[in-house]
Amino acid sequence: MSDVDSPVLRLIPYLAAFTVAVFLGLPMMGGGNLLTPLVVMAIAYFVTYYLVRYVIGLIVRNRRNSTDDQE
């Protein structure tokens, strides 16, 4: 995602990943086991981060290619 210039677009994957990790991990913490929620939170964080980053990269690349074609 080095081709993304907007700071907002760079921040979105972190916010989405943190939100998903919290909403998946916190409900699991009531069972008394701490390792399972931490593993789930870590996996959810990285999967969400890279998935959102990939989608944003596709959108930015597609928009740049479509504006290049019009000129």
C-alpha atoms as a PDB file:
ATOM      1  CA  MET A   1       0.000   0.000   0.000  1.00  0.00           C
ATOM      2  CA  SER A   2       2.924   2.276  -0.636  1.00  0.00           C
ATOM      3  CA  ASP A   3       0.976   3.880  -3.464  1.00  0.00           C
ATOM      4  CA  VAL A   4      -1.667   5.240  -1.062  1.00  0.00           C
ATOM      5  CA  ASP A   5      -0.903   8.875  -0.311  1.00  0.00           C
ATOM      6  CA  SER A   6      -3.807   9.735   1.969  1.00  0.00           C
ATOM      7  CA  PRO A   7      -3.121   9.470   5.710  1.00  0.00           C
ATOM      8  CA  VAL A   8      -6.766   8.550   6.262  1.00  0.00           C
ATOM      9  CA  LEU A   9      -6.481   5.555   3.954  1.00  0.00           C
ATOM     10  CA  ARG A  10      -3.371   4.460   5.808  1.00  0.00           C
ATOM     11  CA  LEU A  11      -5.190   4.674   9.157  1.00  0.00           C
ATOM     12  CA  ILE A  12      -8.307   2.699   8.185  1.00  0.00           C
ATOM     13  CA  PRO A  13      -6.690  -0.801   8.292  1.00  0.00           C
ATOM     14  CA  TYR A  14      -5.377  -0.215  11.820  1.00  0.00           C
ATOM     15  CA  LEU A  15      -8.743   1.002  13.085  1.00  0.00           C
ATOM     16  CA  ALA A  16     -10.655  -1.825  11.441  1.00  0.00           C
ATOM     17  CA  ALA A  17      -8.230  -4.454  12.738  1.00  0.00           C
ATOM     18  CA  PHE A  18      -8.324  -3.089  16.284  1.00  0.00           C
ATOM     19  CA  THR A  19     -12.128  -2.958  16.250  1.00  0.00           C
ATOM     20  CA  VAL A  20     -12.493  -6.537  15.019  1.00  0.00           C
ATOM     21  CA  ALA A  21      -9.911  -7.829  17.500  1.00  0.00           C
ATOM     22  CA  VAL A  22     -11.640  -6.147  20.420  1.00  0.00           C
ATOM     23  CA  PHE A  23     -15.133  -7.276  19.453  1.00  0.00           C
ATOM     24  CA  LEU A  24     -13.989 -10.873  18.937  1.00  0.00           C
ATOM     25  CA  GLY A  25     -11.646 -11.087  21.919  1.00  0.00           C
ATOM     26  CA  LEU A  26     -13.495  -9.362  24.735  1.00  0.00           C
ATOM     27  CA  PRO A  27     -16.540 -11.647  24.831  1.00  0.00           C
ATOM     28  CA  MET A  28     -14.214 -14.659  25.056  1.00  0.00           C
ATOM     29  CA  MET A  29     -12.395 -13.331  28.145  1.00  0.00           C
ATOM     30  CA  GLY A  30     -15.207 -14.312  30.530  1.00  0.00           C
ATOM     31  CA  GLY A  31     -14.263 -17.990  30.496  1.00  0.00           C
ATOM     32  CA  GLY A  32     -11.155 -17.559  32.646  1.00  0.00           C
ATOM     33  CA  ASN A  33      -8.729 -18.678  29.960  1.00  0.00           C
ATOM     34  CA  LEU A  34      -6.536 -15.800  28.767  1.00  0.00           C
ATOM     35  CA  LEU A  35      -4.491 -17.506  26.055  1.00  0.00           C
ATOM     36  CA  THR A  36      -7.357 -18.391  23.723  1.00  0.00           C
ATOM     37  CA  PRO A  37      -8.769 -14.842  23.485  1.00  0.00           C
ATOM     38  CA  LEU A  38      -5.274 -13.420  22.926  1.00  0.00           C
ATOM     39  CA  VAL A  39      -4.624 -15.850  20.080  1.00  0.00           C
ATOM     40  CA  VAL A  40      -8.028 -15.111  18.539  1.00  0.00           C
ATOM     41  CA  MET A  41      -7.434 -11.363  18.879  1.00  0.00           C
ATOM     42  CA  ALA A  42      -3.989 -11.601  17.271  1.00  0.00           C
ATOM     43  CA  ILE A  43      -5.225 -13.688  14.346  1.00  0.00           C
ATOM     44  CA  ALA A  44      -8.269 -11.437  13.842  1.00  0.00           C
ATOM     45  CA  TYR A  45      -6.071  -8.328  13.961  1.00  0.00           C
ATOM     46  CA  PHE A  46      -3.632  -9.487  11.293  1.00  0.00           C
ATOM     47  CA  VAL A  47      -6.244 -11.036   8.999  1.00  0.00           C
ATOM     48  CA  THR A  48      -8.410  -7.918   9.135  1.00  0.00           C
ATOM     49  CA  TYR A  49      -5.447  -5.567   8.717  1.00  0.00           C
ATOM     50  CA  TYR A  50      -4.103  -7.262   5.603  1.00  0.00           C
ATOM     51  CA  LEU A  51      -7.550  -7.845   4.100  1.00  0.00           C
ATOM     52  CA  VAL A  52      -8.565  -4.185   4.491  1.00  0.00           C
ATOM     53  CA  ARG A  53      -5.171  -3.038   3.264  1.00  0.00           C
ATOM     54  CA  TYR A  54      -5.508  -5.243   0.176  1.00  0.00           C
ATOM     55  CA  VAL A  55      -9.020  -3.982  -0.595  1.00  0.00           C
ATOM     56  CA  ILE A  56      -7.976  -0.332  -0.208  1.00  0.00           C
ATOM     57  CA  GLY A  57      -4.993  -0.963  -2.496  1.00  0.00           C
ATOM     58  CA  LEU A  58      -7.281  -2.467  -5.132  1.00  0.00           C
ATOM     59  CA  ILE A  59      -9.673   0.464  -4.936  1.00  0.00           C
ATOM     60  CA  VAL A  60      -6.897   3.062  -5.167  1.00  0.00           C
ATOM     61  CA  ARG A  61      -5.219   1.261  -8.067  1.00  0.00           C
ATOM     62  CA  ASN A  62      -8.531   0.900  -9.884  1.00  0.00           C
ATOM     63  CA  ARG A  63      -9.387   4.586  -9.448  1.00  0.00           C
ATOM     64  CA  ARG A  64      -5.936   5.678 -10.621  1.00  0.00           C
ATOM     65  CA  ASN A  65      -6.117   3.445 -13.679  1.00  0.00           C
ATOM     66  CA  SER A  66      -9.588   4.696 -14.569  1.00  0.00           C
ATOM     67  CA  THR A  67      -8.485   8.358 -14.299  1.00  0.00           C
ATOM     68  CA  ASP A  68      -5.401   7.612 -16.420  1.00  0.00           C
ATOM     69  CA  ASP A  69      -7.582   6.050 -19.127  1.00  0.00           C
ATOM     70  CA  GLN A  70      -9.848   9.097 -19.305  1.00  0.00           C
ATOM     71  CA  GLU A  71      -7.039  11.548 -19.993  1.00  0.00           C
END
